[in-house]
Amino acid sequence: MTTQDSQSFHWHYDELDDKNFQIRGRTLFFIIVLFSVVIFISLIFLLTRWMCRKPSSASSAAVVADTTGLQGHAFEITHGLAKAVIDSLEITLHHRPSTSTAGDSECCICLGVFEEGEKVKVLPNCFHGYHCECIDKWLTTHSSCPICRAAIRVDSPV
């Protein structure tokens, strides 16, 4: 080994300190343009998030038009059904047929199996059945069937 290899490397910090550092001309122009583009994109992003989060009162009560592929059901943008409408749904006793499928014999909300003679609430449009307590909780916050998303339309008693 030579003595030159065994010597340690010493940093000269005064050489790295550049007191005369200046940004001029094209470099300053590109820095300003880049900073402006970043600010502009950030503002557009924040404005878009704000517009998407803020629900307008007109659109929250609107009815979405039927489109193909939705099985002919119109979906209302609401937050649930009234207590009177929920109470007016038909309640039947569950009877297990001799050849039953798993979908017909369980509540898809709580995943509990229907027992023989248990009270089951049947939705009017799609005829899906659920435990009374389960579907009542669901319908206070939603206005559609949990399985097929068919809108709940109940004929008024008048």
N, C-alpha and C. Protein backbone atom coordinates (compact mmCIF):
# COMPACT_ATOMS: atom_id res chain seq x y z
N MET A 1 0.82 -1.18 0.00
CA MET A 1 0.00 0.00 0.00
C MET A 1 0.87 1.25 0.00
N THR A 2 0.41 2.20 -0.66
CA THR A 2 1.15 3.45 -0.69
C THR A 2 0.64 4.38 0.37
N THR A 3 1.38 5.33 0.67
CA THR A 3 0.97 6.30 1.68
C THR A 3 -0.18 7.15 1.20
N GLN A 4 -0.27 7.27 -0.09
CA GLN A 4 -1.34 8.07 -0.65
C GLN A 4 -2.69 7.39 -0.43
N ASP A 5 -2.74 6.04 -0.50
CA ASP A 5 -3.98 5.30 -0.29
C ASP A 5 -4.39 5.31 1.17
N SER A 6 -3.46 5.36 2.06
CA SER A 6 -3.79 5.27 3.48
C SER A 6 -4.20 6.60 4.07
N GLN A 7 -3.99 7.66 3.36
CA GLN A 7 -4.41 8.96 3.87
C GLN A 7 -5.92 9.07 3.80
N SER A 8 -6.50 9.68 4.82
CA SER A 8 -7.97 9.85 4.83
C SER A 8 -8.35 11.06 3.99
N PHE A 9 -9.54 11.01 3.51
CA PHE A 9 -10.06 12.08 2.66
C PHE A 9 -10.64 13.16 3.56
N HIS A 10 -10.23 14.38 3.38
CA HIS A 10 -10.73 15.50 4.18
C HIS A 10 -11.60 16.39 3.31
N TRP A 11 -12.79 16.68 3.84
CA TRP A 11 -13.70 17.59 3.14
C TRP A 11 -13.30 19.03 3.43
N HIS A 12 -13.41 19.81 2.45
CA HIS A 12 -13.18 21.24 2.62
C HIS A 12 -14.54 21.92 2.45
N TYR A 13 -15.16 22.20 3.59
CA TYR A 13 -16.53 22.73 3.56
C TYR A 13 -16.58 24.14 2.97
N ASP A 14 -15.53 24.83 3.07
CA ASP A 14 -15.55 26.18 2.52
C ASP A 14 -15.60 26.16 0.99
N GLU A 15 -15.19 25.08 0.37
CA GLU A 15 -15.26 24.96 -1.07
C GLU A 15 -16.69 24.69 -1.55
N LEU A 16 -17.50 24.03 -0.69
CA LEU A 16 -18.87 23.69 -1.08
C LEU A 16 -19.82 24.86 -0.87
N ASP A 17 -19.47 25.81 -0.07
CA ASP A 17 -20.34 26.94 0.22
C ASP A 17 -20.23 27.94 -0.91
N ASP A 18 -21.32 28.14 -1.64
CA ASP A 18 -21.33 29.06 -2.76
C ASP A 18 -22.18 30.25 -2.40
N LYS A 19 -21.56 31.33 -2.03
CA LYS A 19 -22.27 32.53 -1.62
C LYS A 19 -22.74 33.34 -2.82
N ASN A 20 -22.28 33.01 -3.97
CA ASN A 20 -22.62 33.77 -5.16
C ASN A 20 -23.65 33.04 -6.03
N PHE A 21 -24.44 32.12 -5.42
CA PHE A 21 -25.42 31.35 -6.19
C PHE A 21 -26.55 32.26 -6.63
N GLN A 22 -26.85 32.27 -7.93
CA GLN A 22 -27.90 33.12 -8.48
C GLN A 22 -28.66 32.33 -9.54
N ILE A 23 -29.97 32.58 -9.60
CA ILE A 23 -30.79 31.99 -10.65
C ILE A 23 -31.21 33.13 -11.56
N ARG A 24 -30.87 33.03 -12.83
CA ARG A 24 -31.14 34.10 -13.77
C ARG A 24 -31.68 33.55 -15.08
N GLY A 25 -32.25 34.41 -15.85
CA GLY A 25 -32.61 34.13 -17.23
C GLY A 25 -33.63 33.02 -17.41
N ARG A 26 -33.30 32.08 -18.28
CA ARG A 26 -34.22 31.00 -18.63
C ARG A 26 -34.52 30.10 -17.44
N THR A 27 -33.57 29.87 -16.57
CA THR A 27 -33.78 29.01 -15.40
C THR A 27 -34.85 29.61 -14.49
N LEU A 28 -34.80 30.90 -14.24
CA LEU A 28 -35.81 31.57 -13.42
C LEU A 28 -37.17 31.48 -14.08
N PHE A 29 -37.23 31.67 -15.38
CA PHE A 29 -38.49 31.58 -16.12
C PHE A 29 -39.10 30.18 -16.00
N PHE A 30 -38.30 29.13 -16.18
CA PHE A 30 -38.82 27.77 -16.09
C PHE A 30 -39.26 27.41 -14.67
N ILE A 31 -38.58 27.91 -13.66
CA ILE A 31 -38.98 27.66 -12.28
C ILE A 31 -40.32 28.32 -12.00
N ILE A 32 -40.52 29.54 -12.46
CA ILE A 32 -41.80 30.24 -12.26
C ILE A 32 -42.92 29.53 -13.00
N VAL A 33 -42.68 29.12 -14.23
CA VAL A 33 -43.71 28.41 -15.00
C VAL A 33 -44.06 27.08 -14.33
N LEU A 34 -43.08 26.32 -13.90
CA LEU A 34 -43.33 25.04 -13.24
C LEU A 34 -44.12 25.23 -11.95
N PHE A 35 -43.75 26.21 -11.16
CA PHE A 35 -44.47 26.50 -9.91
C PHE A 35 -45.92 26.90 -10.21
N SER A 36 -46.14 27.71 -11.24
CA SER A 36 -47.50 28.13 -11.62
C SER A 36 -48.35 26.95 -12.07
N VAL A 37 -47.77 26.04 -12.83
CA VAL A 37 -48.50 24.86 -13.30
C VAL A 37 -48.89 23.97 -12.12
N VAL A 38 -47.99 23.78 -11.17
CA VAL A 38 -48.29 22.96 -9.99
C VAL A 38 -49.42 23.60 -9.18
N ILE A 39 -49.38 24.89 -8.98
CA ILE A 39 -50.45 25.60 -8.24
C ILE A 39 -51.76 25.49 -9.00
N PHE A 40 -51.76 25.67 -10.30
CA PHE A 40 -52.98 25.59 -11.10
C PHE A 40 -53.60 24.20 -11.04
N ILE A 41 -52.82 23.16 -11.19
CA ILE A 41 -53.34 21.79 -11.13
C ILE A 41 -53.88 21.49 -9.73
N SER A 42 -53.21 21.97 -8.70
CA SER A 42 -53.69 21.75 -7.33
C SER A 42 -55.04 22.44 -7.11
N LEU A 43 -55.19 23.65 -7.61
CA LEU A 43 -56.47 24.36 -7.47
C LEU A 43 -57.59 23.67 -8.24
N ILE A 44 -57.32 23.19 -9.43
CA ILE A 44 -58.32 22.46 -10.22
C ILE A 44 -58.73 21.19 -9.48
N PHE A 45 -57.77 20.47 -8.92
CA PHE A 45 -58.07 19.26 -8.16
C PHE A 45 -58.94 19.56 -6.96
N LEU A 46 -58.60 20.59 -6.18
CA LEU A 46 -59.40 20.95 -5.01
C LEU A 46 -60.80 21.41 -5.39
N LEU A 47 -60.91 22.18 -6.46
CA LEU A 47 -62.23 22.63 -6.93
C LEU A 47 -63.09 21.45 -7.37
N THR A 48 -62.49 20.49 -8.06
CA THR A 48 -63.23 19.31 -8.50
C THR A 48 -63.71 18.49 -7.31
N ARG A 49 -62.87 18.29 -6.32
CA ARG A 49 -63.29 17.56 -5.11
C ARG A 49 -64.41 18.28 -4.39
N TRP A 50 -64.34 19.60 -4.32
CA TRP A 50 -65.37 20.37 -3.64
C TRP A 50 -66.71 20.28 -4.40
N MET A 51 -66.65 20.34 -5.72
CA MET A 51 -67.87 20.26 -6.52
C MET A 51 -68.51 18.88 -6.44
N CYS A 52 -67.71 17.83 -6.36
CA CYS A 52 -68.26 16.48 -6.29
C CYS A 52 -68.82 16.16 -4.91
N ARG A 53 -68.30 16.74 -3.87
CA ARG A 53 -68.78 16.47 -2.51
C ARG A 53 -70.04 17.24 -2.17
N LYS A 54 -70.21 18.41 -2.67
CA LYS A 54 -71.32 19.26 -2.28
C LYS A 54 -72.58 18.86 -3.04
N PRO A 55 -73.55 18.21 -2.35
CA PRO A 55 -74.78 17.84 -3.05
C PRO A 55 -75.70 19.04 -3.18
N SER A 56 -76.26 19.21 -4.35
CA SER A 56 -77.23 20.28 -4.53
C SER A 56 -78.61 19.78 -4.11
N SER A 57 -79.43 20.67 -3.63
CA SER A 57 -80.75 20.28 -3.14
C SER A 57 -81.64 19.81 -4.28
N ALA A 58 -81.44 20.32 -5.47
CA ALA A 58 -82.27 19.90 -6.61
C ALA A 58 -81.96 18.48 -7.03
N SER A 59 -80.68 18.09 -6.98
CA SER A 59 -80.32 16.75 -7.45
C SER A 59 -80.62 15.68 -6.42
N SER A 60 -80.68 16.03 -5.13
CA SER A 60 -80.92 15.00 -4.12
C SER A 60 -82.36 14.52 -4.14
N ALA A 61 -83.29 15.31 -4.65
CA ALA A 61 -84.68 14.89 -4.71
C ALA A 61 -85.07 14.42 -6.11
N ALA A 62 -84.15 14.47 -7.03
CA ALA A 62 -84.45 14.10 -8.41
C ALA A 62 -84.55 12.60 -8.56
N VAL A 63 -85.25 12.20 -9.58
CA VAL A 63 -85.37 10.79 -9.90
C VAL A 63 -84.49 10.52 -11.11
N VAL A 64 -83.64 9.52 -11.00
CA VAL A 64 -82.76 9.16 -12.09
C VAL A 64 -83.59 8.44 -13.15
N ALA A 65 -83.42 8.83 -14.39
CA ALA A 65 -84.21 8.25 -15.47
C ALA A 65 -83.83 6.81 -15.70
N ASP A 66 -84.79 6.05 -16.24
CA ASP A 66 -84.53 4.66 -16.57
C ASP A 66 -83.46 4.58 -17.66
N THR A 67 -82.59 3.62 -17.52
CA THR A 67 -81.62 3.34 -18.56
C THR A 67 -81.66 1.86 -18.84
N THR A 68 -81.25 1.47 -20.00
CA THR A 68 -81.26 0.05 -20.31
C THR A 68 -80.24 -0.65 -19.46
N GLY A 69 -80.53 -1.86 -19.06
CA GLY A 69 -79.64 -2.61 -18.20
C GLY A 69 -80.03 -2.52 -16.74
N LEU A 70 -81.00 -1.69 -16.39
CA LEU A 70 -81.43 -1.58 -15.01
C LEU A 70 -82.75 -2.28 -14.77
N GLN A 71 -83.15 -3.15 -15.63
CA GLN A 71 -84.33 -3.98 -15.52
C GLN A 71 -85.61 -3.15 -15.42
N GLY A 72 -85.61 -1.96 -16.03
CA GLY A 72 -86.82 -1.16 -16.09
C GLY A 72 -87.20 -0.49 -14.79
N HIS A 73 -86.32 -0.45 -13.79
CA HIS A 73 -86.64 0.18 -12.52
C HIS A 73 -86.08 1.60 -12.49
N ALA A 74 -86.89 2.54 -11.99
CA ALA A 74 -86.40 3.89 -11.77
C ALA A 74 -85.88 3.96 -10.34
N PHE A 75 -84.72 4.52 -10.16
CA PHE A 75 -84.11 4.61 -8.85
C PHE A 75 -84.24 6.03 -8.33
N GLU A 76 -84.78 6.18 -7.14
CA GLU A 76 -84.87 7.49 -6.52
C GLU A 76 -83.64 7.71 -5.67
N ILE A 77 -83.16 8.94 -5.67
CA ILE A 77 -82.04 9.28 -4.83
C ILE A 77 -82.63 9.81 -3.53
N THR A 78 -82.90 8.92 -2.62
CA THR A 78 -83.46 9.29 -1.33
C THR A 78 -82.65 8.61 -0.24
N HIS A 79 -83.02 8.90 0.98
CA HIS A 79 -82.28 8.34 2.10
C HIS A 79 -83.07 7.30 2.84
N GLY A 80 -84.13 6.80 2.30
CA GLY A 80 -84.89 5.76 2.97
C GLY A 80 -86.38 5.99 2.82
N LEU A 81 -87.14 5.06 3.38
CA LEU A 81 -88.59 5.13 3.30
C LEU A 81 -89.17 5.62 4.63
N ALA A 82 -90.37 6.15 4.56
CA ALA A 82 -91.07 6.61 5.76
C ALA A 82 -91.49 5.40 6.59
N LYS A 83 -91.64 5.61 7.88
CA LYS A 83 -92.02 4.54 8.80
C LYS A 83 -93.37 3.93 8.41
N ALA A 84 -94.31 4.75 7.95
CA ALA A 84 -95.63 4.24 7.55
C ALA A 84 -95.53 3.32 6.35
N VAL A 85 -94.65 3.63 5.42
CA VAL A 85 -94.47 2.79 4.23
C VAL A 85 -93.82 1.46 4.62
N ILE A 86 -92.84 1.52 5.51
CA ILE A 86 -92.16 0.30 5.96
C ILE A 86 -93.16 -0.61 6.69
N ASP A 87 -94.00 -0.01 7.53
CA ASP A 87 -94.99 -0.79 8.29
C ASP A 87 -96.07 -1.38 7.39
N SER A 88 -96.29 -0.78 6.21
CA SER A 88 -97.35 -1.27 5.33
C SER A 88 -96.92 -2.47 4.48
N LEU A 89 -95.65 -2.85 4.53
CA LEU A 89 -95.19 -4.00 3.74
C LEU A 89 -95.80 -5.30 4.29
N GLU A 90 -96.05 -6.23 3.39
CA GLU A 90 -96.69 -7.49 3.75
C GLU A 90 -95.77 -8.38 4.59
N ILE A 91 -96.33 -8.95 5.67
CA ILE A 91 -95.62 -9.89 6.52
C ILE A 91 -96.27 -11.26 6.34
N THR A 92 -95.45 -12.27 6.03
CA THR A 92 -95.97 -13.63 5.85
C THR A 92 -95.21 -14.58 6.77
N LEU A 93 -95.76 -15.76 6.93
CA LEU A 93 -95.07 -16.81 7.68
C LEU A 93 -94.28 -17.66 6.70
N HIS A 94 -93.07 -17.95 7.06
CA HIS A 94 -92.20 -18.72 6.17
C HIS A 94 -92.56 -20.21 6.24
N HIS A 95 -92.77 -20.79 5.08
CA HIS A 95 -93.00 -22.24 4.97
C HIS A 95 -91.95 -22.78 4.01
N ARG A 96 -91.20 -23.73 4.47
CA ARG A 96 -90.13 -24.30 3.66
C ARG A 96 -90.72 -25.31 2.68
N PRO A 97 -90.60 -25.05 1.38
CA PRO A 97 -91.07 -26.03 0.41
C PRO A 97 -90.17 -27.28 0.43
N SER A 98 -90.66 -28.34 -0.16
CA SER A 98 -89.91 -29.59 -0.15
C SER A 98 -88.60 -29.46 -0.92
N THR A 99 -88.58 -28.68 -1.97
CA THR A 99 -87.33 -28.44 -2.73
C THR A 99 -87.01 -26.96 -2.62
N SER A 100 -86.22 -26.60 -1.62
CA SER A 100 -85.88 -25.19 -1.45
C SER A 100 -84.41 -24.96 -1.80
N THR A 101 -84.14 -23.76 -2.26
CA THR A 101 -82.76 -23.38 -2.53
C THR A 101 -82.28 -22.51 -1.38
N ALA A 102 -80.97 -22.33 -1.28
CA ALA A 102 -80.41 -21.57 -0.16
C ALA A 102 -80.84 -20.11 -0.21
N GLY A 103 -81.03 -19.55 -1.39
CA GLY A 103 -81.43 -18.16 -1.53
C GLY A 103 -82.83 -17.90 -1.03
N ASP A 104 -83.70 -18.92 -1.08
CA ASP A 104 -85.07 -18.76 -0.63
C ASP A 104 -85.21 -18.97 0.86
N SER A 105 -84.23 -19.52 1.52
CA SER A 105 -84.39 -19.89 2.91
C SER A 105 -83.50 -19.11 3.87
N GLU A 106 -82.89 -18.01 3.42
CA GLU A 106 -82.08 -17.22 4.33
C GLU A 106 -82.24 -15.73 4.05
N CYS A 107 -82.04 -14.96 5.09
CA CYS A 107 -82.09 -13.50 5.00
C CYS A 107 -80.71 -13.02 4.55
N CYS A 108 -80.65 -12.32 3.44
CA CYS A 108 -79.34 -11.90 2.92
C CYS A 108 -78.75 -10.74 3.71
N ILE A 109 -79.51 -10.13 4.60
CA ILE A 109 -78.98 -9.03 5.40
C ILE A 109 -78.20 -9.58 6.60
N CYS A 110 -78.83 -10.45 7.39
CA CYS A 110 -78.15 -10.99 8.57
C CYS A 110 -77.57 -12.38 8.32
N LEU A 111 -77.89 -12.97 7.17
CA LEU A 111 -77.44 -14.31 6.77
C LEU A 111 -78.00 -15.40 7.69
N GLY A 112 -79.09 -15.09 8.36
CA GLY A 112 -79.75 -16.07 9.20
C GLY A 112 -80.72 -16.91 8.39
N VAL A 113 -80.85 -18.17 8.74
CA VAL A 113 -81.75 -19.09 8.04
C VAL A 113 -83.17 -18.87 8.56
N PHE A 114 -84.14 -18.85 7.65
CA PHE A 114 -85.55 -18.73 8.05
C PHE A 114 -86.00 -20.05 8.67
N GLU A 115 -86.61 -19.96 9.83
CA GLU A 115 -87.16 -21.13 10.49
C GLU A 115 -88.61 -21.32 10.04
N GLU A 116 -89.11 -22.51 10.18
CA GLU A 116 -90.50 -22.83 9.81
C GLU A 116 -91.45 -21.99 10.67
N GLY A 117 -92.36 -21.24 10.03
CA GLY A 117 -93.35 -20.42 10.72
C GLY A 117 -92.83 -19.07 11.18
N GLU A 118 -91.63 -18.69 10.81
CA GLU A 118 -91.06 -17.40 11.21
C GLU A 118 -91.67 -16.28 10.35
N LYS A 119 -91.84 -15.09 10.95
CA LYS A 119 -92.39 -13.94 10.22
C LYS A 119 -91.33 -13.40 9.26
N VAL A 120 -91.74 -13.23 8.02
CA VAL A 120 -90.87 -12.75 6.96
C VAL A 120 -91.57 -11.60 6.24
N LYS A 121 -90.85 -10.51 6.02
CA LYS A 121 -91.41 -9.38 5.28
C LYS A 121 -91.01 -9.54 3.81
N VAL A 122 -92.01 -9.49 2.92
CA VAL A 122 -91.79 -9.69 1.49
C VAL A 122 -91.94 -8.34 0.79
N LEU A 123 -90.96 -7.98 -0.03
CA LEU A 123 -91.01 -6.72 -0.77
C LEU A 123 -91.97 -6.84 -1.94
N PRO A 124 -92.73 -5.78 -2.25
CA PRO A 124 -93.82 -5.88 -3.23
C PRO A 124 -93.39 -6.08 -4.68
N ASN A 125 -92.29 -5.52 -5.13
CA ASN A 125 -91.94 -5.59 -6.55
C ASN A 125 -91.16 -6.85 -6.92
N CYS A 126 -90.20 -7.21 -6.09
CA CYS A 126 -89.31 -8.31 -6.45
C CYS A 126 -89.61 -9.59 -5.66
N PHE A 127 -90.44 -9.50 -4.63
CA PHE A 127 -90.86 -10.64 -3.81
C PHE A 127 -89.71 -11.32 -3.08
N HIS A 128 -88.65 -10.56 -2.76
CA HIS A 128 -87.58 -11.09 -1.92
C HIS A 128 -88.02 -10.97 -0.46
N GLY A 129 -87.69 -11.99 0.35
CA GLY A 129 -88.10 -12.02 1.74
C GLY A 129 -86.95 -11.79 2.70
N TYR A 130 -87.24 -11.12 3.82
CA TYR A 130 -86.22 -10.80 4.83
C TYR A 130 -86.85 -10.88 6.21
N HIS A 131 -86.01 -11.01 7.24
CA HIS A 131 -86.51 -10.87 8.61
C HIS A 131 -87.07 -9.46 8.77
N CYS A 132 -88.15 -9.33 9.53
CA CYS A 132 -88.80 -8.02 9.70
C CYS A 132 -87.83 -6.97 10.25
N GLU A 133 -87.07 -7.32 11.29
CA GLU A 133 -86.16 -6.36 11.90
C GLU A 133 -85.05 -5.95 10.94
N CYS A 134 -84.56 -6.90 10.19
CA CYS A 134 -83.44 -6.63 9.26
C CYS A 134 -83.87 -5.67 8.16
N ILE A 135 -84.99 -5.96 7.51
CA ILE A 135 -85.41 -5.13 6.39
C ILE A 135 -85.91 -3.77 6.87
N ASP A 136 -86.48 -3.70 8.08
CA ASP A 136 -86.91 -2.40 8.60
C ASP A 136 -85.72 -1.48 8.80
N LYS A 137 -84.62 -2.00 9.34
CA LYS A 137 -83.40 -1.20 9.51
C LYS A 137 -82.84 -0.77 8.16
N TRP A 138 -82.85 -1.69 7.20
CA TRP A 138 -82.33 -1.39 5.88
C TRP A 138 -83.15 -0.29 5.21
N LEU A 139 -84.47 -0.40 5.28
CA LEU A 139 -85.34 0.54 4.56
C LEU A 139 -85.39 1.92 5.19
N THR A 140 -84.92 2.07 6.43
CA THR A 140 -84.86 3.41 7.00
C THR A 140 -83.73 4.23 6.37
N THR A 141 -82.75 3.56 5.78
CA THR A 141 -81.64 4.27 5.15
C THR A 141 -81.56 4.07 3.63
N HIS A 142 -82.31 3.11 3.10
CA HIS A 142 -82.29 2.83 1.66
C HIS A 142 -83.74 2.69 1.17
N SER A 143 -83.94 2.93 -0.10
CA SER A 143 -85.29 2.79 -0.64
C SER A 143 -85.36 1.71 -1.72
N SER A 144 -84.49 0.72 -1.63
CA SER A 144 -84.44 -0.33 -2.64
C SER A 144 -84.19 -1.67 -1.98
N CYS A 145 -84.40 -2.72 -2.75
CA CYS A 145 -84.17 -4.08 -2.28
C CYS A 145 -82.66 -4.32 -2.12
N PRO A 146 -82.22 -4.94 -1.03
CA PRO A 146 -80.79 -5.19 -0.86
C PRO A 146 -80.18 -6.13 -1.89
N ILE A 147 -80.98 -7.02 -2.46
CA ILE A 147 -80.44 -7.99 -3.43
C ILE A 147 -80.42 -7.42 -4.84
N CYS A 148 -81.60 -7.02 -5.33
CA CYS A 148 -81.69 -6.63 -6.74
C CYS A 148 -81.76 -5.13 -6.96
N ARG A 149 -81.80 -4.35 -5.90
CA ARG A 149 -81.84 -2.88 -5.95
C ARG A 149 -83.09 -2.34 -6.64
N ALA A 150 -84.15 -3.13 -6.69
CA ALA A 150 -85.41 -2.64 -7.24
C ALA A 150 -86.00 -1.63 -6.29
N ALA A 151 -86.50 -0.53 -6.83
CA ALA A 151 -87.10 0.51 -6.00
C ALA A 151 -88.36 -0.03 -5.33
N ILE A 152 -88.57 0.35 -4.08
CA ILE A 152 -89.75 -0.09 -3.33
C ILE A 152 -90.88 0.87 -3.67
N ARG A 153 -91.90 0.35 -4.34
CA ARG A 153 -93.08 1.14 -4.66
C ARG A 153 -94.27 0.48 -3.98
N VAL A 154 -94.82 1.19 -3.00
CA VAL A 154 -95.96 0.66 -2.26
C VAL A 154 -97.17 1.47 -2.63
N ASP A 155 -98.25 0.79 -3.00
CA ASP A 155 -99.49 1.50 -3.32
C ASP A 155 -100.09 2.06 -2.06
N SER A 156 -100.52 3.33 -2.13
CA SER A 156 -101.09 3.95 -0.94
C SER A 156 -102.45 3.34 -0.65
N PRO A 157 -102.86 3.25 0.63
CA PRO A 157 -104.13 2.62 0.97
C PRO A 157 -105.34 3.45 0.56
N VAL A 158 -105.17 4.69 0.13
CA VAL A 158 -106.29 5.55 -0.25
C VAL A 158 -106.82 5.17 -1.60
